N, C-alpha and C. Protein backbone atom coordinates (compact mmCIF):
# COMPACT_ATOMS: atom_id res chain seq x y z
N MET A 1 32.25 12.82 5.59
CA MET A 1 30.89 13.51 4.96
C MET A 1 30.31 11.99 5.00
N LYS A 2 29.94 11.05 5.24
CA LYS A 2 29.30 9.30 4.65
C LYS A 2 28.42 9.73 3.79
N THR A 3 29.06 8.97 2.97
CA THR A 3 27.86 8.93 1.56
C THR A 3 27.75 6.92 1.39
N ASP A 4 25.94 7.50 1.30
CA ASP A 4 25.71 6.10 1.30
C ASP A 4 25.37 5.34 0.03
N SER A 5 25.61 4.01 -0.46
CA SER A 5 25.33 3.37 -1.94
C SER A 5 24.50 3.62 -2.01
N ILE A 6 23.46 3.04 -3.56
CA ILE A 6 22.36 3.32 -3.84
C ILE A 6 21.80 1.76 -3.34
N ALA A 7 22.23 1.03 -2.93
CA ALA A 7 21.77 -0.28 -2.29
C ALA A 7 21.56 0.14 -0.64
N ASP A 8 21.84 1.03 -0.42
CA ASP A 8 21.18 2.18 0.88
C ASP A 8 19.96 2.78 0.57
N ARG A 9 19.66 2.96 -0.51
CA ARG A 9 18.83 3.60 -0.60
C ARG A 9 17.16 3.17 -1.52
N LEU A 10 18.09 1.91 -1.85
CA LEU A 10 16.41 1.24 -2.39
C LEU A 10 15.86 -0.06 -1.43
N ALA A 11 14.95 0.31 -1.83
CA ALA A 11 14.24 -0.97 -1.50
C ALA A 11 13.41 -2.29 -2.56
N VAL A 12 12.64 -3.12 -2.35
CA VAL A 12 11.97 -4.14 -3.32
C VAL A 12 10.63 -4.27 -2.85
N CYS A 13 9.71 -3.38 -3.39
CA CYS A 13 8.56 -3.98 -3.81
C CYS A 13 7.92 -5.59 -3.51
N SER A 14 7.38 -5.61 -2.27
CA SER A 14 7.30 -7.63 -2.59
C SER A 14 6.62 -7.71 -3.32
N TRP A 15 5.55 -6.70 -3.51
CA TRP A 15 4.42 -7.21 -4.68
C TRP A 15 4.69 -7.54 -6.17
N SER A 16 5.70 -6.78 -6.91
CA SER A 16 5.81 -6.70 -7.89
C SER A 16 6.31 -8.88 -7.58
N LEU A 17 7.59 -9.15 -6.79
CA LEU A 17 8.10 -10.47 -6.49
C LEU A 17 6.92 -11.57 -6.71
N GLN A 18 5.67 -10.92 -5.74
CA GLN A 18 4.37 -12.35 -5.58
C GLN A 18 5.64 -13.38 -4.99
N PRO A 19 5.37 -13.12 -3.75
CA PRO A 19 6.08 -14.62 -3.34
C PRO A 19 5.19 -15.25 -2.73
N LYS A 20 5.37 -16.80 -2.42
CA LYS A 20 4.01 -17.43 -2.34
C LYS A 20 4.36 -17.32 -0.28
N ASN A 21 4.93 -17.03 0.28
CA ASN A 21 5.21 -17.00 1.39
C ASN A 21 6.46 -15.79 2.16
N GLY A 22 6.51 -15.78 3.29
CA GLY A 22 7.05 -14.71 3.57
C GLY A 22 8.91 -16.08 3.60
N GLU A 23 8.47 -17.24 3.66
CA GLU A 23 9.90 -17.35 3.89
C GLU A 23 10.89 -17.16 2.26
N GLN A 24 9.79 -16.83 1.53
CA GLN A 24 10.36 -17.34 -0.09
C GLN A 24 10.64 -15.78 0.11
N LEU A 25 10.26 -14.99 0.03
CA LEU A 25 10.57 -13.29 0.45
C LEU A 25 11.97 -13.94 0.91
N LEU A 26 11.97 -13.61 2.32
CA LEU A 26 13.43 -13.80 2.80
C LEU A 26 14.52 -14.24 1.73
N GLU A 27 13.80 -15.73 1.50
CA GLU A 27 15.65 -16.09 0.64
C GLU A 27 15.45 -15.31 -0.90
N TRP A 28 14.58 -14.75 -1.63
CA TRP A 28 14.85 -14.15 -2.39
C TRP A 28 15.49 -12.36 -2.45
N LEU A 29 15.23 -12.13 -1.37
CA LEU A 29 15.94 -10.97 -0.43
C LEU A 29 16.59 -10.82 -0.91
N LYS A 30 17.70 -12.14 0.18
CA LYS A 30 18.47 -12.08 0.10
C LYS A 30 19.32 -12.38 -0.92
N SER A 31 19.31 -13.38 -2.03
CA SER A 31 19.43 -13.20 -3.25
C SER A 31 20.39 -12.06 -3.75
N LEU A 32 18.60 -11.03 -3.96
CA LEU A 32 19.15 -9.85 -4.19
C LEU A 32 19.94 -8.63 -3.72
N GLY A 33 20.11 -8.96 -2.48
CA GLY A 33 21.24 -8.44 -1.57
C GLY A 33 20.48 -6.99 -1.42
N ILE A 34 19.68 -6.67 -1.87
CA ILE A 34 19.02 -5.59 -1.32
C ILE A 34 17.91 -5.89 0.29
N PRO A 35 18.64 -5.12 1.46
CA PRO A 35 17.83 -5.50 2.57
C PRO A 35 16.65 -4.39 3.00
N ARG A 36 16.50 -4.27 2.20
CA ARG A 36 14.87 -3.23 2.55
C ARG A 36 13.92 -3.46 1.39
N ILE A 37 13.00 -3.11 2.33
CA ILE A 37 11.53 -3.65 1.11
C ILE A 37 10.01 -3.19 1.62
N GLN A 38 9.50 -2.60 0.67
CA GLN A 38 7.77 -2.30 0.70
C GLN A 38 6.90 -3.48 0.64
N LEU A 39 6.72 -3.84 1.95
CA LEU A 39 5.88 -4.58 2.04
C LEU A 39 4.64 -5.07 1.55
N ALA A 40 4.06 -5.69 1.16
CA ALA A 40 2.88 -5.55 0.08
C ALA A 40 2.04 -6.62 1.84
N LEU A 41 0.93 -5.59 2.27
CA LEU A 41 0.05 -6.24 3.45
C LEU A 41 -0.68 -7.41 3.04
N ASP A 42 -1.31 -7.59 1.83
CA ASP A 42 -2.79 -8.23 2.02
C ASP A 42 -2.62 -9.47 2.07
N PRO A 43 -0.72 -10.23 1.28
CA PRO A 43 -0.91 -11.58 1.80
C PRO A 43 -0.72 -11.62 3.20
N ILE A 44 -0.66 -10.77 3.67
CA ILE A 44 -0.14 -11.44 5.66
C ILE A 44 -1.66 -11.21 6.01
N ARG A 45 -2.34 -9.98 5.57
CA ARG A 45 -4.24 -10.20 5.77
C ARG A 45 -4.53 -11.66 5.47
N GLU A 46 -4.03 -12.03 4.40
CA GLU A 46 -4.94 -13.17 3.78
C GLU A 46 -4.65 -14.86 4.46
N ASP A 47 -3.66 -14.98 5.06
CA ASP A 47 -2.45 -16.30 4.83
C ASP A 47 -1.66 -15.76 6.26
N LYS A 48 -2.22 -15.38 7.56
CA LYS A 48 -1.11 -14.94 8.34
C LYS A 48 -0.12 -16.37 8.83
N ALA A 49 -0.64 -17.53 8.79
CA ALA A 49 0.27 -18.59 8.99
C ALA A 49 1.35 -18.53 8.24
N SER A 50 1.39 -18.40 6.86
CA SER A 50 2.01 -18.49 5.62
C SER A 50 3.19 -17.20 6.42
N TRP A 51 3.08 -16.32 6.83
CA TRP A 51 3.82 -15.49 7.09
C TRP A 51 3.81 -15.23 9.04
N ALA A 52 3.83 -16.00 9.49
CA ALA A 52 3.96 -15.44 11.05
C ALA A 52 5.25 -15.85 11.50
N ASN A 53 5.04 -14.11 11.97
CA ASN A 53 6.78 -13.58 12.88
C ASN A 53 7.46 -13.11 11.28
N PHE A 54 6.50 -13.14 10.40
CA PHE A 54 8.03 -12.41 9.33
C PHE A 54 8.37 -11.02 9.89
N LYS A 55 7.99 -9.98 10.51
CA LYS A 55 8.91 -9.23 11.25
C LYS A 55 10.04 -9.63 11.54
N GLY A 56 10.07 -10.44 12.97
CA GLY A 56 11.02 -11.00 13.17
C GLY A 56 12.08 -11.85 12.35
N ARG A 57 11.55 -12.55 11.77
CA ARG A 57 12.54 -12.69 10.90
C ARG A 57 13.03 -11.81 10.16
N CYS A 58 12.41 -10.59 9.35
CA CYS A 58 12.77 -9.88 8.84
C CYS A 58 14.55 -9.19 10.05
N ASP A 59 13.73 -8.78 10.65
CA ASP A 59 14.54 -8.19 12.00
C ASP A 59 16.31 -9.43 12.21
N GLN A 60 15.74 -10.64 12.54
CA GLN A 60 17.02 -11.56 12.68
C GLN A 60 17.63 -11.38 11.32
N SER A 61 17.32 -11.44 9.79
CA SER A 61 17.91 -11.36 8.59
C SER A 61 18.42 -10.00 8.56
N GLY A 62 18.67 -8.66 9.07
CA GLY A 62 18.79 -7.85 8.80
C GLY A 62 18.28 -6.90 7.12
N ILE A 63 16.94 -7.40 7.13
CA ILE A 63 15.83 -6.78 6.21
C ILE A 63 15.14 -5.55 6.83
N ALA A 64 14.96 -4.39 6.62
CA ALA A 64 14.37 -3.28 7.06
C ALA A 64 12.94 -3.06 6.16
N ILE A 65 12.01 -3.05 6.50
CA ILE A 65 10.82 -2.76 6.67
C ILE A 65 10.63 -1.26 6.32
N VAL A 66 10.92 -1.02 5.02
CA VAL A 66 10.57 1.05 5.33
C VAL A 66 9.27 1.40 4.95
N SER A 67 8.63 -0.45 4.42
CA SER A 67 6.96 0.61 3.91
C SER A 67 6.37 -0.34 3.70
N GLY A 68 5.22 -0.17 3.98
CA GLY A 68 3.77 -0.92 3.55
C GLY A 68 3.17 -1.07 2.72
N MET A 69 2.63 -1.21 2.23
CA MET A 69 1.64 -0.76 0.63
C MET A 69 0.06 -1.94 1.07
N PHE A 70 -1.43 -1.94 0.26
CA PHE A 70 -2.13 -2.47 -0.04
C PHE A 70 -2.88 -2.15 -1.40
N GLY A 71 -3.08 -3.58 -1.18
CA GLY A 71 -4.30 -3.06 -2.87
C GLY A 71 -5.88 -2.86 -2.39
N THR A 72 -6.85 -3.15 -3.44
CA THR A 72 -7.97 -3.30 -3.19
C THR A 72 -8.71 -3.98 -4.02
N VAL A 73 -9.47 -4.68 -3.47
CA VAL A 73 -10.60 -6.16 -4.21
C VAL A 73 -11.01 -5.27 -5.67
N GLY A 74 -10.89 -6.22 -6.49
CA GLY A 74 -11.18 -6.56 -8.02
C GLY A 74 -10.23 -5.72 -8.83
N GLU A 75 -9.36 -4.61 -7.70
CA GLU A 75 -8.09 -3.96 -8.87
C GLU A 75 -8.05 -5.25 -10.51
N ASP A 76 -7.95 -4.39 -11.88
CA ASP A 76 -7.24 -4.97 -13.04
C ASP A 76 -6.24 -3.65 -13.56
N TYR A 77 -5.26 -4.28 -13.38
CA TYR A 77 -4.17 -3.03 -14.25
C TYR A 77 -3.89 -3.63 -15.43
N THR A 78 -5.27 -3.77 -16.41
CA THR A 78 -4.96 -4.41 -17.92
C THR A 78 -4.40 -3.40 -18.44
N THR A 79 -5.29 -2.48 -18.86
CA THR A 79 -5.53 -1.42 -19.83
C THR A 79 -5.91 0.17 -18.82
N MET A 80 -5.62 1.18 -19.33
CA MET A 80 -5.85 2.61 -18.20
C MET A 80 -7.76 2.65 -18.26
N GLU A 81 -7.99 1.76 -19.18
CA GLU A 81 -9.55 2.35 -18.63
C GLU A 81 -10.02 1.48 -17.59
N SER A 82 -9.31 -0.44 -17.93
CA SER A 82 -9.75 -0.76 -16.96
C SER A 82 -9.47 -0.45 -15.42
N ILE A 83 -8.06 0.14 -15.34
CA ILE A 83 -8.26 0.47 -13.80
C ILE A 83 -8.67 1.68 -13.35
N ARG A 84 -9.30 2.47 -14.26
CA ARG A 84 -9.88 3.71 -13.66
C ARG A 84 -11.26 2.72 -13.60
N ARG A 85 -11.64 1.84 -14.18
CA ARG A 85 -13.16 1.43 -13.77
C ARG A 85 -12.74 1.24 -12.30
N THR A 86 -11.47 -0.30 -12.50
CA THR A 86 -11.49 -0.93 -11.11
C THR A 86 -10.50 -0.72 -9.71
N GLY A 87 -10.15 0.50 -9.85
CA GLY A 87 -9.09 0.96 -9.42
C GLY A 87 -9.15 1.65 -8.39
N GLY A 88 -8.47 1.30 -6.91
CA GLY A 88 -8.60 2.03 -5.89
C GLY A 88 -10.08 1.42 -4.65
N VAL A 89 -10.29 3.17 -3.84
CA VAL A 89 -11.29 2.48 -3.48
C VAL A 89 -12.39 3.92 -3.49
N VAL A 90 -12.49 3.51 -5.70
CA VAL A 90 -13.20 4.36 -6.12
C VAL A 90 -14.92 3.93 -6.46
N PRO A 91 -14.86 2.52 -6.24
CA PRO A 91 -15.58 1.53 -7.19
C PRO A 91 -16.35 1.82 -5.97
N ASP A 92 -18.34 1.73 -5.98
CA ASP A 92 -18.94 1.31 -4.84
C ASP A 92 -19.11 0.02 -4.68
N ALA A 93 -18.71 -1.03 -5.68
CA ALA A 93 -19.17 -2.35 -5.48
C ALA A 93 -18.26 -3.05 -4.56
N THR A 94 -17.08 -2.22 -4.32
CA THR A 94 -15.86 -3.01 -2.92
C THR A 94 -15.87 -2.17 -2.22
N TRP A 95 -15.97 -1.28 -1.95
CA TRP A 95 -16.44 -0.53 -0.72
C TRP A 95 -16.11 -0.79 -0.12
N ASP A 96 -17.85 -1.46 0.54
CA ASP A 96 -17.22 -2.47 2.46
C ASP A 96 -16.58 -3.22 2.56
N GLN A 97 -15.71 -4.37 1.02
CA GLN A 97 -15.01 -4.76 1.75
C GLN A 97 -13.78 -4.36 1.58
N ASN A 98 -13.28 -3.65 0.74
CA ASN A 98 -12.65 -2.39 1.25
C ASN A 98 -11.96 -1.55 2.47
N TRP A 99 -12.59 -1.29 3.02
CA TRP A 99 -12.58 -0.36 4.68
C TRP A 99 -12.64 -1.87 5.13
N ARG A 100 -13.02 -2.63 4.51
CA ARG A 100 -13.12 -4.12 5.79
C ARG A 100 -11.51 -4.37 6.30
N ASN A 101 -11.02 -4.42 4.46
CA ASN A 101 -9.25 -5.18 5.19
C ASN A 101 -8.53 -3.67 5.04
N ILE A 102 -8.90 -2.37 4.84
CA ILE A 102 -8.57 -1.75 5.77
C ILE A 102 -7.50 -1.16 6.64
N GLN A 103 -9.16 -1.65 7.24
CA GLN A 103 -8.80 -1.29 9.34
C GLN A 103 -8.01 -2.66 9.67
N ILE A 104 -7.83 -4.06 8.89
CA ILE A 104 -7.61 -5.23 9.56
C ILE A 104 -5.35 -4.50 8.75
N ILE A 105 -5.31 -3.80 7.67
CA ILE A 105 -4.40 -3.34 7.24
C ILE A 105 -3.35 -2.64 8.06
N ALA A 106 -4.19 -1.29 8.79
CA ALA A 106 -4.28 -0.12 9.59
C ALA A 106 -3.48 -1.08 10.68
N ASP A 107 -4.42 -1.72 11.07
CA ASP A 107 -3.57 -2.86 12.44
C ASP A 107 -2.50 -3.78 12.42
N LEU A 108 -2.56 -3.93 11.51
CA LEU A 108 -1.84 -4.92 10.85
C LEU A 108 -0.14 -4.41 11.11
N ALA A 109 -0.48 -3.16 10.48
CA ALA A 109 0.81 -2.36 10.35
C ALA A 109 1.48 -1.50 11.25
N LYS A 110 0.15 -1.52 12.32
CA LYS A 110 1.09 -0.82 13.93
C LYS A 110 1.88 -2.00 14.35
N SER A 111 0.90 -3.58 14.44
CA SER A 111 1.56 -4.65 15.06
C SER A 111 2.83 -4.55 14.61
N MET A 112 3.27 -4.57 13.78
CA MET A 112 4.46 -4.34 13.08
C MET A 112 5.41 -3.19 12.83
N GLY A 113 5.27 -2.24 13.59
CA GLY A 113 6.22 -1.36 13.69
C GLY A 113 6.48 0.28 12.56
N ILE A 114 5.64 -0.78 11.35
CA ILE A 114 5.60 -0.26 9.67
C ILE A 114 4.57 1.46 10.07
N LYS A 115 5.86 2.46 9.76
CA LYS A 115 4.89 3.57 10.06
C LYS A 115 4.86 4.35 8.85
N LEU A 116 4.88 3.75 7.81
CA LEU A 116 4.22 4.45 6.36
C LEU A 116 3.68 3.21 5.70
N VAL A 117 2.22 3.27 5.28
CA VAL A 117 1.65 2.68 3.71
C VAL A 117 1.20 3.59 3.32
N THR A 118 1.20 2.89 1.52
CA THR A 118 1.11 3.27 0.98
C THR A 118 -0.43 2.49 0.03
N PHE A 119 -1.12 3.57 -0.79
CA PHE A 119 -2.22 2.69 -1.32
C PHE A 119 -2.08 3.42 -2.89
N HIS A 120 -2.77 2.52 -3.66
CA HIS A 120 -3.41 3.03 -4.83
C HIS A 120 -4.85 3.71 -4.46
N ALA A 121 -4.67 5.05 -4.98
CA ALA A 121 -6.58 5.37 -4.13
C ALA A 121 -8.02 5.72 -5.39
N GLY A 122 -6.96 5.83 -6.96
CA GLY A 122 -8.01 5.62 -7.92
C GLY A 122 -8.19 6.44 -8.61
N PHE A 123 -8.43 6.70 -9.90
CA PHE A 123 -8.80 8.27 -10.91
C PHE A 123 -9.22 8.68 -9.91
N LEU A 124 -9.32 10.50 -10.18
CA LEU A 124 -9.64 11.47 -8.94
C LEU A 124 -10.25 12.09 -10.80
N PRO A 125 -11.71 12.70 -10.22
CA PRO A 125 -12.80 13.04 -11.32
C PRO A 125 -12.31 14.30 -11.64
N GLU A 126 -11.95 14.85 -12.78
CA GLU A 126 -11.50 16.20 -12.85
C GLU A 126 -12.34 17.39 -12.27
N ASP A 127 -13.60 17.30 -12.56
CA ASP A 127 -14.47 18.17 -11.97
C ASP A 127 -14.69 17.72 -10.05
N GLU A 128 -14.07 18.77 -9.56
CA GLU A 128 -14.47 19.16 -7.85
C GLU A 128 -15.64 19.23 -7.50
N HIS A 129 -17.20 19.65 -8.01
CA HIS A 129 -18.38 19.42 -8.13
C HIS A 129 -18.94 18.42 -8.33
N ASP A 130 -18.40 17.41 -9.01
CA ASP A 130 -18.02 15.82 -9.36
C ASP A 130 -18.92 15.06 -7.62
N PRO A 131 -19.76 15.08 -7.75
CA PRO A 131 -20.47 14.05 -6.77
C PRO A 131 -19.50 12.66 -6.32
N GLU A 132 -18.40 12.79 -7.34
CA GLU A 132 -17.82 11.04 -7.41
C GLU A 132 -16.71 11.88 -6.67
N PHE A 133 -15.84 12.68 -7.34
CA PHE A 133 -14.61 13.89 -6.68
C PHE A 133 -14.81 13.58 -5.06
N ARG A 134 -16.27 14.43 -4.44
CA ARG A 134 -16.44 14.16 -2.91
C ARG A 134 -16.51 12.81 -2.17
N LYS A 135 -17.37 12.14 -2.98
CA LYS A 135 -17.05 11.11 -2.75
C LYS A 135 -15.62 10.26 -2.46
N LEU A 136 -15.44 10.21 -3.26
CA LEU A 136 -13.06 9.92 -3.10
C LEU A 136 -12.51 10.89 -2.55
N TYR A 137 -13.04 12.08 -1.97
CA TYR A 137 -12.73 12.74 -0.75
C TYR A 137 -12.54 11.94 0.28
N ASP A 138 -14.21 11.67 0.43
CA ASP A 138 -14.88 11.18 1.65
C ASP A 138 -14.14 10.06 2.21
N ARG A 139 -13.56 9.19 1.07
CA ARG A 139 -13.18 7.51 1.76
C ARG A 139 -11.88 7.69 1.98
N ILE A 140 -10.95 9.00 1.02
CA ILE A 140 -9.62 9.18 1.70
C ILE A 140 -9.96 9.82 2.86
N CYS A 141 -9.74 10.57 3.38
CA CYS A 141 -10.28 11.13 4.71
C CYS A 141 -10.54 10.19 5.88
N ARG A 142 -11.64 9.15 5.86
CA ARG A 142 -12.06 8.25 6.50
C ARG A 142 -10.62 7.24 6.58
N ILE A 143 -9.68 6.78 5.53
CA ILE A 143 -8.98 6.02 5.39
C ILE A 143 -7.35 6.90 5.86
N ALA A 144 -7.27 8.01 5.92
CA ALA A 144 -6.63 8.72 6.30
C ALA A 144 -6.61 9.20 8.15
N ASP A 145 -8.03 9.61 8.62
CA ASP A 145 -7.98 9.55 9.95
C ASP A 145 -7.96 7.75 10.67
N LEU A 146 -8.12 7.04 10.23
CA LEU A 146 -7.67 5.69 10.46
C LEU A 146 -6.39 5.29 10.51
N PHE A 147 -5.41 5.38 9.94
CA PHE A 147 -4.06 5.84 10.39
C PHE A 147 -3.27 6.60 11.13
N ALA A 148 -4.10 7.91 11.34
CA ALA A 148 -3.37 8.35 11.79
C ALA A 148 -4.44 8.54 13.63
N SER A 149 -5.37 7.60 13.52
CA SER A 149 -5.68 7.06 14.88
C SER A 149 -4.56 6.04 15.62
N ARG A 150 -4.23 5.36 14.80
CA ARG A 150 -2.65 4.55 15.13
C ARG A 150 -1.51 5.39 14.88
N ASN A 151 -1.01 6.53 14.53
CA ASN A 151 0.13 6.83 14.47
C ASN A 151 1.11 6.31 13.26
N LEU A 152 0.20 6.74 12.65
CA LEU A 152 0.53 5.89 10.82
C LEU A 152 0.83 6.50 9.82
N ASP A 153 1.85 7.02 9.29
CA ASP A 153 2.13 8.07 7.47
C ASP A 153 0.55 7.12 6.99
N LEU A 154 0.14 7.84 5.75
CA LEU A 154 -0.30 7.33 4.45
C LEU A 154 0.27 7.88 3.33
N GLY A 155 0.69 7.37 2.20
CA GLY A 155 0.66 7.66 1.29
C GLY A 155 -0.24 7.42 0.22
N PHE A 156 -0.82 8.13 -0.74
CA PHE A 156 -1.29 7.57 -1.81
C PHE A 156 -1.09 8.25 -3.38
N GLU A 157 -1.35 6.74 -4.03
CA GLU A 157 -1.32 7.61 -5.50
C GLU A 157 -2.21 7.60 -6.38
N THR A 158 -2.70 8.15 -7.43
CA THR A 158 -3.60 7.88 -8.11
C THR A 158 -3.92 7.88 -9.50
N GLY A 159 -4.94 8.44 -10.26
CA GLY A 159 -4.55 7.95 -11.78
C GLY A 159 -4.06 8.80 -12.66
N GLN A 160 -4.64 9.46 -13.32
CA GLN A 160 -4.31 10.04 -14.61
C GLN A 160 -4.43 11.77 -15.17
N GLU A 161 -4.74 12.01 -13.35
CA GLU A 161 -5.22 13.58 -13.85
C GLU A 161 -4.48 14.15 -13.92
N THR A 162 -4.83 15.92 -13.65
CA THR A 162 -3.79 16.87 -14.06
C THR A 162 -3.33 17.14 -12.67
N GLY A 163 -2.01 17.54 -12.80
CA GLY A 163 -2.10 18.41 -11.05
C GLY A 163 -2.74 19.31 -10.98
N GLU A 164 -3.48 20.13 -11.34
CA GLU A 164 -4.71 20.98 -10.70
C GLU A 164 -5.77 20.46 -10.21
N THR A 165 -6.27 18.78 -11.36
CA THR A 165 -7.35 18.48 -10.28
C THR A 165 -6.41 17.72 -9.04
N LEU A 166 -5.87 17.08 -8.83
CA LEU A 166 -4.22 17.21 -7.46
C LEU A 166 -4.03 17.54 -6.89
N ARG A 167 -3.71 19.15 -7.19
CA ARG A 167 -3.85 20.04 -6.06
C ARG A 167 -4.95 20.08 -5.56
N GLU A 168 -6.60 19.99 -6.32
CA GLU A 168 -7.54 20.69 -5.87
C GLU A 168 -8.03 20.55 -4.77
N PHE A 169 -7.84 18.75 -4.71
CA PHE A 169 -8.15 17.24 -4.22
C PHE A 169 -7.24 17.15 -3.21
N LEU A 170 -5.97 17.54 -2.79
CA LEU A 170 -5.38 17.41 -1.79
C LEU A 170 -5.46 18.89 -1.05
C-alpha cells in the first residue's frame, strides 16, 4: 500500500501569497517545495498579460492546479461585521459586477482545465423566510448552474450561521 507524504496532500492558496504575476508565484511555489496550488483566478481575469500561459508553465514546472477560487467585489475581511456587510454575493450594490466577473471566471477555469472552483458566498440569513435568504439562494443557484453548464464543480463557504441554517439552505 502506497502512503503519500503530507506534501503530496497539501496545496498552497495563491490568494494568501498575493504574487504580482504568475512567474513570481511559480518561483515561490518552487521555494516552498509544495507542487500543488489552489489558484486565485481574479488576478488572471484582471491582468491576463501578466499570467499568460500560466497553466502551461505550471505543467512544465510540475505544479498541479488542484482547484481555483474567486473573490467578490468590495469584500472587506477586517471584522466579522464588515465581512457580513460586504462578503460574497450577498450585497446588491456589487451583484451585477460580481455576476459579470463570475461568468469570466467560469470560462477561465474551463479553459485552464480546473475542475473545482470555490468562493465565499457570504453570510446566510438565519430565517429561511427572510427575503434575503431566498435572494442568496437564487444567486447561488444561478452561479451553480453556470458552472454546471461548463462541467465544473463549485464549492462555497458561508458565514457564521448555525449548522441548522446551513442544512436548510442546502
